[in-house]
């Protein structure tokens, strides 16, 4: 195998076949989970290979009849991928879509596979079919399992070269992801930037690694560096959604609100109305409210967060923000109702290794005026990621606004501020 062939990842994956007569989509993605970013990564890879992909959050409109629209999407698809995790075990939607896929596969030329995202035992109805185990790939689909899955939906066996290639990039991607996470954990910005300049097959095969670096830089408060990394990714993966989302996120974090709105607004106008895009766009309207005190901007922000939560009630990020913005609007009953729904998702305890889930649990307690519980959870979040200054500043800014609108005393405010006492001065 020549180096040129090896470096061109797309040569080892099957490109999209011609759409069959009467079909609109090459592949239908079925999922009901919080693993949205993972699914978007799969979507991006398939699009880059020329596949027309049905992903409900990018296709369906708010007023669509969900059952009929999903059935129509399946009927118009040549193949399907059922994305499974412990979060979807009890989903009746997934079981129903599986039954439809299985029936279509039995009756005709429809092919499908199962992508398993964590260490859950597949139910009998899924384990009997082709599946790829991505339990060790939490940041996105990659390597030999990705190739196997794509070959499966086009009903072709992978070549020996494709198998060898997939195994090698498995090893390289795993090593690079471990290094990136370690660099973020210790706050080594130079190492993250160095990683972003890697020009190997693993980095060429998927935008996932570059997105991991960009998101890490943003968490550390290095927004300009994150923008540089993401713009390079956009040049390499022009069809990818996730890099554009991260660009909007980094621009918003560094205060370029209108630039962020332009990036995110274009994504929304293209039909990307998933919670990630809507949530980021909602954040920019909140920023404009903070700059101008125009109340309609605040309501716009809340409504976007609330719409995203209604579409994806498993998404705690948009849910907690919908609750917080309701507090700012003085609509405390609505805030309490939404916060109760979010608490069902995140609970009342720290989440080991997860800053944002722990910070979300803290914010719920704050909205309920349980200041002692909130302070303890905020401290736990900071202890999880003590160098993620960008994340901490964003969390503290939101907490301060909530404290003002909740009428907290100076003592109660001090309890929350203490959790962030080691945060260095910054924007």
Protein backbone atom coordinates (compact mmCIF):
# COMPACT_ATOMS: atom_id res chain seq x y z
CA UNK A 1 0.00 0.00 0.00
CA UNK A 2 1.45 3.37 -0.99
CA UNK A 3 1.60 6.28 1.43
CA UNK A 4 -0.75 8.36 -0.75
CA UNK A 5 -3.36 5.62 -0.66
CA UNK A 6 -2.95 5.14 3.06
CA UNK A 7 -3.30 8.84 3.81
CA UNK A 8 -6.50 9.16 1.78
CA UNK A 9 -9.00 7.74 4.27
CA UNK A 10 -11.92 8.07 1.91
CA UNK A 11 -10.37 5.50 -0.44
CA UNK A 12 -11.00 2.82 2.18
CA UNK A 13 -14.63 3.68 2.88
CA UNK A 14 -17.43 2.87 0.43
CA UNK A 15 -18.74 6.00 -1.23
CA UNK A 16 -22.46 6.55 -1.51
CA UNK A 17 -24.14 4.48 -4.21
CA UNK A 18 -26.60 6.06 -6.61
CA UNK A 19 -29.96 6.64 -4.99
CA UNK A 20 -32.48 4.03 -5.99
CA UNK A 21 -35.61 5.11 -7.82
CA UNK A 22 -38.09 6.72 -5.44
CA UNK A 23 -35.54 7.08 -2.62
CA UNK A 24 -34.47 10.38 -1.04
CA UNK A 25 -31.96 9.19 1.55
CA UNK A 26 -29.07 6.75 1.53
CA UNK A 27 -29.23 6.15 5.28
CA UNK A 28 -31.68 6.80 8.13
CA UNK A 29 -30.13 7.46 11.57
CA UNK A 30 -32.28 6.28 14.47
CA UNK A 31 -31.53 7.44 18.01
CA UNK A 32 -33.16 8.84 21.12
CA UNK A 33 -30.29 9.77 23.39
CA UNK A 34 -28.10 12.47 24.84
CA UNK A 35 -25.28 11.39 22.52
CA UNK A 36 -26.09 14.16 20.06
CA UNK A 37 -22.49 15.23 19.37
CA UNK A 38 -21.52 11.62 18.58
CA UNK A 39 -24.40 11.30 16.15
CA UNK A 40 -23.53 14.60 14.46
CA UNK A 41 -19.97 13.30 13.96
CA UNK A 42 -21.36 10.22 12.19
CA UNK A 43 -23.63 12.46 10.14
CA UNK A 44 -20.67 14.63 9.11
CA UNK A 45 -18.57 11.63 8.03
CA UNK A 46 -21.38 10.13 5.97
CA UNK A 47 -22.11 13.48 4.30
CA UNK A 48 -18.42 13.88 3.46
CA UNK A 49 -18.56 10.52 1.68
CA UNK A 50 -21.50 11.69 -0.40
CA UNK A 51 -24.37 10.05 1.51
CA UNK A 52 -27.75 11.74 1.83
CA UNK A 53 -28.54 11.29 5.53
CA UNK A 54 -31.87 11.48 7.36
CA UNK A 55 -31.21 12.84 10.86
CA UNK A 56 -34.44 13.97 12.50
CA UNK A 57 -33.04 17.10 14.13
CA UNK A 58 -31.77 18.37 10.78
CA UNK A 59 -34.80 17.35 8.72
CA UNK A 60 -37.98 17.61 10.78
CA UNK A 61 -39.85 20.84 11.39
CA UNK A 62 -41.54 21.79 14.65
CA UNK A 63 -45.06 21.31 13.26
CA UNK A 64 -44.40 17.91 11.65
CA UNK A 65 -46.36 14.89 12.80
CA UNK A 66 -43.43 13.01 14.34
CA UNK A 67 -44.69 9.46 13.76
CA UNK A 68 -45.65 10.08 10.14
CA UNK A 69 -42.47 12.06 9.38
CA UNK A 70 -40.19 9.34 10.77
CA UNK A 71 -42.08 6.63 8.92
CA UNK A 72 -41.82 8.63 5.71
CA UNK A 73 -38.09 9.12 6.32
CA UNK A 74 -37.58 5.37 6.71
CA UNK A 75 -39.66 4.59 3.65
CA UNK A 76 -37.57 7.04 1.62
CA UNK A 77 -34.24 5.52 2.82
CA UNK A 78 -32.10 2.76 1.31
CA UNK A 79 -30.49 1.77 4.63
CA UNK A 80 -30.48 2.54 8.33
CA UNK A 81 -28.27 2.75 11.41
CA UNK A 82 -29.77 2.19 14.86
CA UNK A 83 -27.66 4.06 17.44
CA UNK A 84 -27.93 2.33 20.79
CA UNK A 85 -26.82 3.17 24.33
CA UNK A 86 -27.93 2.66 27.90
CA UNK A 87 -29.86 5.93 27.55
CA UNK A 88 -32.00 4.42 24.79
CA UNK A 89 -32.63 0.97 26.22
CA UNK A 90 -36.16 1.86 27.24
CA UNK A 91 -37.00 3.91 24.15
CA UNK A 92 -40.15 2.71 22.47
CA UNK A 93 -39.23 4.86 19.48
CA UNK A 94 -36.02 2.90 18.88
CA UNK A 95 -37.81 -0.43 19.18
CA UNK A 96 -40.47 0.73 16.76
CA UNK A 97 -37.92 1.99 14.25
CA UNK A 98 -35.95 -1.25 14.62
CA UNK A 99 -39.09 -3.28 13.89
CA UNK A 100 -39.68 -1.23 10.75
CA UNK A 101 -36.04 -1.61 9.64
CA UNK A 102 -36.12 -5.35 10.27
CA UNK A 103 -39.32 -5.76 8.29
CA UNK A 104 -37.95 -3.70 5.40
CA UNK A 105 -34.70 -5.73 5.41
CA UNK A 106 -36.68 -8.97 5.27
CA UNK A 107 -38.93 -7.82 2.47
CA UNK A 108 -36.45 -6.11 0.15
CA UNK A 109 -33.01 -4.60 -0.42
CA UNK A 110 -32.92 -2.42 2.71
CA UNK A 111 -29.82 -2.97 4.91
CA UNK A 112 -29.13 -1.74 8.40
CA UNK A 113 -26.68 -1.98 11.28
CA UNK A 114 -26.49 -1.13 14.99
CA UNK A 115 -23.92 1.26 16.48
CA UNK A 116 -23.43 0.46 20.20
CA UNK A 117 -22.14 3.50 22.09
CA UNK A 118 -21.39 2.17 25.57
CA UNK A 119 -20.86 -0.99 27.57
CA UNK A 120 -24.52 -1.93 27.66
CA UNK A 121 -25.69 -5.39 26.63
CA UNK A 122 -27.60 -5.15 23.39
CA UNK A 123 -31.21 -6.31 23.60
CA UNK A 124 -32.05 -9.47 21.71
CA UNK A 125 -33.76 -7.59 18.90
CA UNK A 126 -30.56 -5.65 18.13
CA UNK A 127 -27.81 -8.14 18.94
CA UNK A 128 -28.92 -10.53 16.21
CA UNK A 129 -27.99 -7.99 13.53
CA UNK A 130 -24.75 -6.48 12.25
CA UNK A 131 -23.42 -4.16 14.91
CA UNK A 132 -20.28 -2.14 15.58
CA UNK A 133 -19.07 -1.57 19.14
CA UNK A 134 -18.10 2.08 19.76
CA UNK A 135 -18.07 1.80 23.56
CA UNK A 136 -14.43 2.89 23.59
CA UNK A 137 -15.06 5.79 21.18
CA UNK A 138 -17.15 8.28 23.21
CA UNK A 139 -16.04 11.30 21.17
CA UNK A 140 -17.17 10.06 17.78
CA UNK A 141 -17.22 7.13 15.32
CA UNK A 142 -13.81 6.09 14.06
CA UNK A 143 -11.52 3.39 12.73
CA UNK A 144 -12.29 -0.19 11.84
CA UNK A 145 -15.74 -0.20 13.45
CA UNK A 146 -16.78 2.84 11.43
CA UNK A 147 -15.60 1.20 8.20
CA UNK A 148 -17.38 -2.03 9.14
CA UNK A 149 -20.62 -0.18 9.82
CA UNK A 150 -20.56 1.76 6.56
CA UNK A 151 -19.69 -1.35 4.54
CA UNK A 152 -22.57 -3.10 6.27
CA UNK A 153 -25.24 -0.62 5.24
CA UNK A 154 -24.16 -0.88 1.59
CA UNK A 155 -24.01 -4.69 1.96
CA UNK A 156 -20.36 -5.09 0.99
CA UNK A 157 -17.51 -6.86 2.81
CA UNK A 158 -14.54 -4.60 3.72
CA UNK A 159 -11.31 -5.28 1.86
CA UNK A 160 -8.24 -6.59 3.67
CA UNK A 161 -6.59 -3.21 3.15
CA UNK A 162 -9.58 -1.45 4.74
CA UNK A 163 -9.38 -3.73 7.79
CA UNK A 164 -5.65 -3.10 8.26
CA UNK A 165 -6.12 0.60 7.73
CA UNK A 166 -8.96 0.78 10.27
CA UNK A 167 -6.91 -1.03 12.90
CA UNK A 168 -3.99 1.38 12.53
CA UNK A 169 -6.11 4.52 12.77
CA UNK A 170 -7.87 3.01 15.82
CA UNK A 171 -4.54 3.03 17.60
CA UNK A 172 -3.56 6.52 16.45
CA UNK A 173 -6.91 8.13 17.27
CA UNK A 174 -6.97 6.57 20.73
CA UNK A 175 -3.47 7.84 21.46
CA UNK A 176 -4.24 11.37 20.17
CA UNK A 177 -7.51 11.61 22.14
CA UNK A 178 -5.78 10.53 25.36
CA UNK A 179 -3.07 13.16 24.83
CA UNK A 180 -5.62 15.90 24.08
CA UNK A 181 -7.65 15.13 27.20
CA UNK A 182 -4.53 15.03 29.35
CA UNK A 183 -3.39 18.38 27.94
CA UNK A 184 -6.78 19.92 28.74
CA UNK A 185 -6.72 18.47 32.24
CA UNK A 186 -3.39 20.11 33.07
CA UNK A 187 -4.05 23.28 31.08
CA UNK A 188 -1.28 22.74 28.50
CA UNK A 189 -2.44 25.07 25.72
CA UNK A 190 0.78 24.73 23.70
CA UNK A 191 0.34 20.95 23.52
CA UNK A 192 -3.23 21.31 22.31
CA UNK A 193 -2.18 23.72 19.57
CA UNK A 194 0.66 21.38 18.60
CA UNK A 195 -1.82 18.49 18.33
CA UNK A 196 -4.13 20.55 16.12
CA UNK A 197 -1.34 20.82 13.55
CA UNK A 198 -0.96 17.06 13.21
CA UNK A 199 -1.17 16.01 9.57
CA UNK A 200 -1.59 12.26 9.88
CA UNK A 201 -4.23 9.86 8.64
CA UNK A 202 -6.15 9.86 11.91
CA UNK A 203 -6.59 13.62 11.84
CA UNK A 204 -7.55 13.53 8.17
CA UNK A 205 -10.12 10.79 8.63
CA UNK A 206 -12.53 12.61 10.95
CA UNK A 207 -13.11 16.13 12.34
CA UNK A 208 -13.59 14.56 15.77
CA UNK A 209 -10.01 15.01 17.00
CA UNK A 210 -9.80 18.61 15.85
CA UNK A 211 -13.15 19.35 17.49
CA UNK A 212 -11.89 17.78 20.72
CA UNK A 213 -8.88 20.13 20.66
CA UNK A 214 -10.99 23.20 19.82
CA UNK A 215 -13.50 22.44 22.56
CA UNK A 216 -10.65 21.90 25.04
CA UNK A 217 -9.13 25.27 24.15
CA UNK A 218 -12.49 26.99 24.63
CA UNK A 219 -12.95 25.32 28.02
CA UNK A 220 -9.57 26.71 29.03
CA UNK A 221 -10.61 30.19 27.94
CA UNK A 222 -8.39 30.24 24.84
CA UNK A 223 -11.12 31.36 22.47
CA UNK A 224 -8.95 32.89 19.76
CA UNK A 225 -6.89 29.72 19.49
CA UNK A 226 -10.10 27.67 19.37
CA UNK A 227 -11.35 29.81 16.46
CA UNK A 228 -8.11 29.23 14.53
CA UNK A 229 -8.33 25.45 15.00
CA UNK A 230 -11.99 25.33 13.98
CA UNK A 231 -11.49 27.44 10.86
CA UNK A 232 -8.75 25.05 9.72
CA UNK A 233 -11.14 22.14 10.34
CA UNK A 234 -13.84 23.84 8.29
CA UNK A 235 -11.41 24.03 5.38
CA UNK A 236 -10.59 20.34 5.71
CA UNK A 237 -14.17 19.18 6.35
CA UNK A 238 -16.40 21.73 4.59
CA UNK A 239 -19.59 19.71 5.06
CA UNK A 240 -19.11 19.12 8.78
CA UNK A 241 -21.63 20.67 11.16
CA UNK A 242 -19.75 20.34 14.45
CA UNK A 243 -16.79 22.64 13.57
CA UNK A 244 -19.21 25.42 12.62
CA UNK A 245 -21.07 24.97 15.88
CA UNK A 246 -17.80 25.23 17.79
CA UNK A 247 -16.83 28.36 15.86
CA UNK A 248 -20.09 30.00 16.89
CA UNK A 249 -19.48 28.87 20.46
CA UNK A 250 -15.92 30.24 20.58
CA UNK A 251 -16.94 33.55 18.98
CA UNK A 252 -19.73 33.95 21.52
CA UNK A 253 -17.40 33.15 24.42
CA UNK A 254 -14.85 35.75 23.31
CA UNK A 255 -17.52 38.43 22.99
CA UNK A 256 -17.95 38.57 19.19
CA UNK A 257 -21.71 38.21 19.59
CA UNK A 258 -22.92 39.32 16.18
CA UNK A 259 -20.27 37.23 14.39
CA UNK A 260 -21.39 34.22 16.44
CA UNK A 261 -25.03 34.89 15.56
CA UNK A 262 -24.16 35.01 11.87
CA UNK A 263 -22.42 31.61 12.00
CA UNK A 264 -25.14 29.97 14.09
CA UNK A 265 -27.97 31.72 12.25
CA UNK A 266 -26.70 30.31 8.97
CA UNK A 267 -26.68 26.83 10.48
CA UNK A 268 -30.27 27.26 11.67
CA UNK A 269 -31.38 28.66 8.31
CA UNK A 270 -29.92 25.56 6.63
CA UNK A 271 -32.25 23.44 8.76
CA UNK A 272 -29.88 22.56 11.61
CA UNK A 273 -32.35 23.06 14.43
CA UNK A 274 -30.81 20.57 16.82
CA UNK A 275 -30.42 21.51 20.52
CA UNK A 276 -26.70 22.20 20.08
CA UNK A 277 -27.28 24.84 17.41
CA UNK A 278 -30.41 26.29 19.01
CA UNK A 279 -28.74 26.35 22.42
CA UNK A 280 -25.70 28.24 21.15
CA UNK A 281 -27.88 30.67 19.21
CA UNK A 282 -30.00 31.23 22.31
CA UNK A 283 -26.84 32.06 24.26
CA UNK A 284 -26.00 34.83 21.77
CA UNK A 285 -29.41 36.44 22.29
CA UNK A 286 -28.75 36.37 26.02
CA UNK A 287 -25.42 38.10 25.39
CA UNK A 288 -27.20 40.80 23.41
CA UNK A 289 -29.68 41.23 26.23
CA UNK A 290 -26.79 41.66 28.67
CA UNK A 291 -25.31 44.32 26.38
CA UNK A 292 -28.52 46.26 25.71
CA UNK A 293 -31.06 45.31 28.40
CA UNK A 294 -33.65 44.87 25.63
CA UNK A 295 -36.15 42.50 27.21
CA UNK A 296 -37.29 40.99 23.91
CA UNK A 297 -33.75 39.63 23.45
CA UNK A 298 -34.05 37.84 26.79
CA UNK A 299 -37.38 36.35 25.81
CA UNK A 300 -35.96 35.27 22.45
CA UNK A 301 -33.14 33.47 24.28
CA UNK A 302 -35.52 31.70 26.67
CA UNK A 303 -37.87 30.68 23.89
CA UNK A 304 -35.06 29.14 21.84
CA UNK A 305 -33.79 27.16 24.84
CA UNK A 306 -37.33 26.06 25.66
CA UNK A 307 -38.00 25.01 22.06
CA UNK A 308 -34.79 22.97 22.02
CA UNK A 309 -35.75 21.28 25.32
CA UNK A 310 -39.21 20.47 24.03
CA UNK A 311 -37.67 18.84 20.94
CA UNK A 312 -35.06 16.95 22.97
CA UNK A 313 -36.22 16.55 26.59
CA UNK A 314 -33.12 14.48 27.37
CA UNK A 315 -30.84 17.51 26.88
CA UNK A 316 -30.06 19.00 30.30
CA UNK A 317 -28.04 21.92 28.89
CA UNK A 318 -30.90 23.56 27.01
CA UNK A 319 -33.31 22.63 29.81
CA UNK A 320 -31.38 24.33 32.61
CA UNK A 321 -30.89 27.42 30.47
CA UNK A 322 -34.60 27.59 29.69
CA UNK A 323 -35.24 27.44 33.45
CA UNK A 324 -32.65 30.13 34.26
CA UNK A 325 -33.91 32.53 31.61
CA UNK A 326 -37.44 32.04 32.95
CA UNK A 327 -36.12 33.22 36.33
CA UNK A 328 -34.69 36.33 34.66
CA UNK A 329 -38.10 36.98 33.10
CA UNK A 330 -39.74 36.69 36.51
CA UNK A 331 -41.68 33.59 35.43
CA UNK A 332 -40.75 31.53 38.47
CA UNK A 333 -43.47 28.90 38.09
CA UNK A 334 -42.24 28.06 34.60
CA UNK A 335 -38.65 28.04 35.87
CA UNK A 336 -39.52 25.63 38.68
CA UNK A 337 -41.37 23.28 36.34
CA UNK A 338 -38.52 23.11 33.83
CA UNK A 339 -35.92 22.75 36.61
CA UNK A 340 -37.84 19.78 37.99
CA UNK A 341 -37.69 18.08 34.58
CA UNK A 342 -33.95 18.74 34.34
CA UNK A 343 -33.36 17.35 37.83
CA UNK A 344 -34.81 14.04 36.64
CA UNK A 345 -31.92 13.93 34.18
CA UNK A 346 -28.99 15.05 36.34
CA UNK A 347 -30.05 14.30 39.92
CA UNK A 348 -28.76 16.09 43.00
CA UNK A 349 -25.24 14.69 43.35
CA UNK A 350 -21.89 15.45 41.67
CA UNK A 351 -21.16 13.60 38.43
CA UNK A 352 -17.69 12.06 38.58
CA UNK A 353 -15.49 13.58 35.90
CA UNK A 354 -18.27 15.69 34.36
CA UNK A 355 -18.02 19.44 35.02
CA UNK A 356 -21.14 20.52 33.19
CA UNK A 357 -23.54 17.92 34.57
CA UNK A 358 -22.37 18.78 38.09
CA UNK A 359 -22.70 22.52 37.42
CA UNK A 360 -26.21 21.89 36.06
CA UNK A 361 -27.17 20.05 39.25
CA UNK A 362 -25.83 23.05 41.20
CA UNK A 363 -27.89 25.50 39.16
CA UNK A 364 -31.08 23.55 39.83
CA UNK A 365 -30.44 23.85 43.57
CA UNK A 366 -29.76 27.56 43.13
CA UNK A 367 -33.07 28.10 41.32
CA UNK A 368 -34.75 26.33 44.24
CA UNK A 369 -32.94 28.68 46.66
CA UNK A 370 -31.15 25.73 48.27
CA UNK A 371 -27.99 27.82 48.52
CA UNK A 372 -25.96 25.45 50.66
CA UNK A 373 -26.59 22.51 48.32
CA UNK A 374 -25.84 24.70 45.31
CA UNK A 375 -22.53 25.91 46.79
CA UNK A 376 -21.41 22.35 47.48
CA UNK A 377 -22.19 21.25 43.93
CA UNK A 378 -20.49 24.29 42.39
CA UNK A 379 -17.40 23.48 44.45
CA UNK A 380 -17.55 19.87 43.26
CA UNK A 381 -17.71 21.08 39.64
CA UNK A 382 -14.67 23.33 40.09
CA UNK A 383 -12.79 20.48 41.76
CA UNK A 384 -13.51 18.26 38.75
CA UNK A 385 -11.96 20.74 36.29
CA UNK A 386 -9.90 23.29 38.25
CA UNK A 387 -8.18 24.71 35.15
CA UNK A 388 -11.23 25.08 32.89
CA UNK A 389 -11.41 28.82 33.48
CA UNK A 390 -13.62 29.47 30.48
CA UNK A 391 -16.23 27.03 31.77
CA UNK A 392 -16.01 28.40 35.30
CA UNK A 393 -16.40 32.04 34.21
CA UNK A 394 -19.49 31.16 32.20
CA UNK A 395 -20.96 29.26 35.15
CA UNK A 396 -20.22 32.04 37.64
CA UNK A 397 -21.70 34.71 35.37
CA UNK A 398 -24.96 32.76 35.17
CA UNK A 399 -24.98 32.11 38.92
CA UNK A 400 -24.53 35.81 39.71
CA UNK A 401 -27.46 36.76 37.51
CA UNK A 402 -29.64 34.13 39.16
CA UNK A 403 -28.65 35.33 42.63
CA UNK A 404 -29.70 38.87 41.77
CA UNK A 405 -33.07 37.84 40.35
CA UNK A 406 -33.74 35.44 43.23
CA UNK A 407 -33.12 38.19 45.78
CA UNK A 408 -30.31 36.32 47.55
CA UNK A 409 -28.71 37.90 50.61
CA UNK A 410 -25.04 38.89 50.74
CA UNK A 411 -24.35 35.82 52.86
CA UNK A 412 -26.03 33.53 50.33
CA UNK A 413 -24.15 35.19 47.47
CA UNK A 414 -20.91 34.71 49.35
CA UNK A 415 -21.56 30.97 49.69
CA UNK A 416 -21.69 30.64 45.88
CA UNK A 417 -18.79 33.02 45.20
CA UNK A 418 -16.55 31.02 47.51
CA UNK A 419 -16.65 28.02 45.16
CA UNK A 420 -14.97 30.19 42.49
CA UNK A 421 -12.50 32.03 44.72
CA UNK A 422 -9.47 30.59 42.88
CA UNK A 423 -10.70 31.77 39.48
CA UNK A 424 -8.10 34.22 38.09
CA UNK A 425 -9.20 37.60 36.72
CA UNK A 426 -10.39 37.43 33.13
CA UNK A 427 -12.94 38.64 30.63
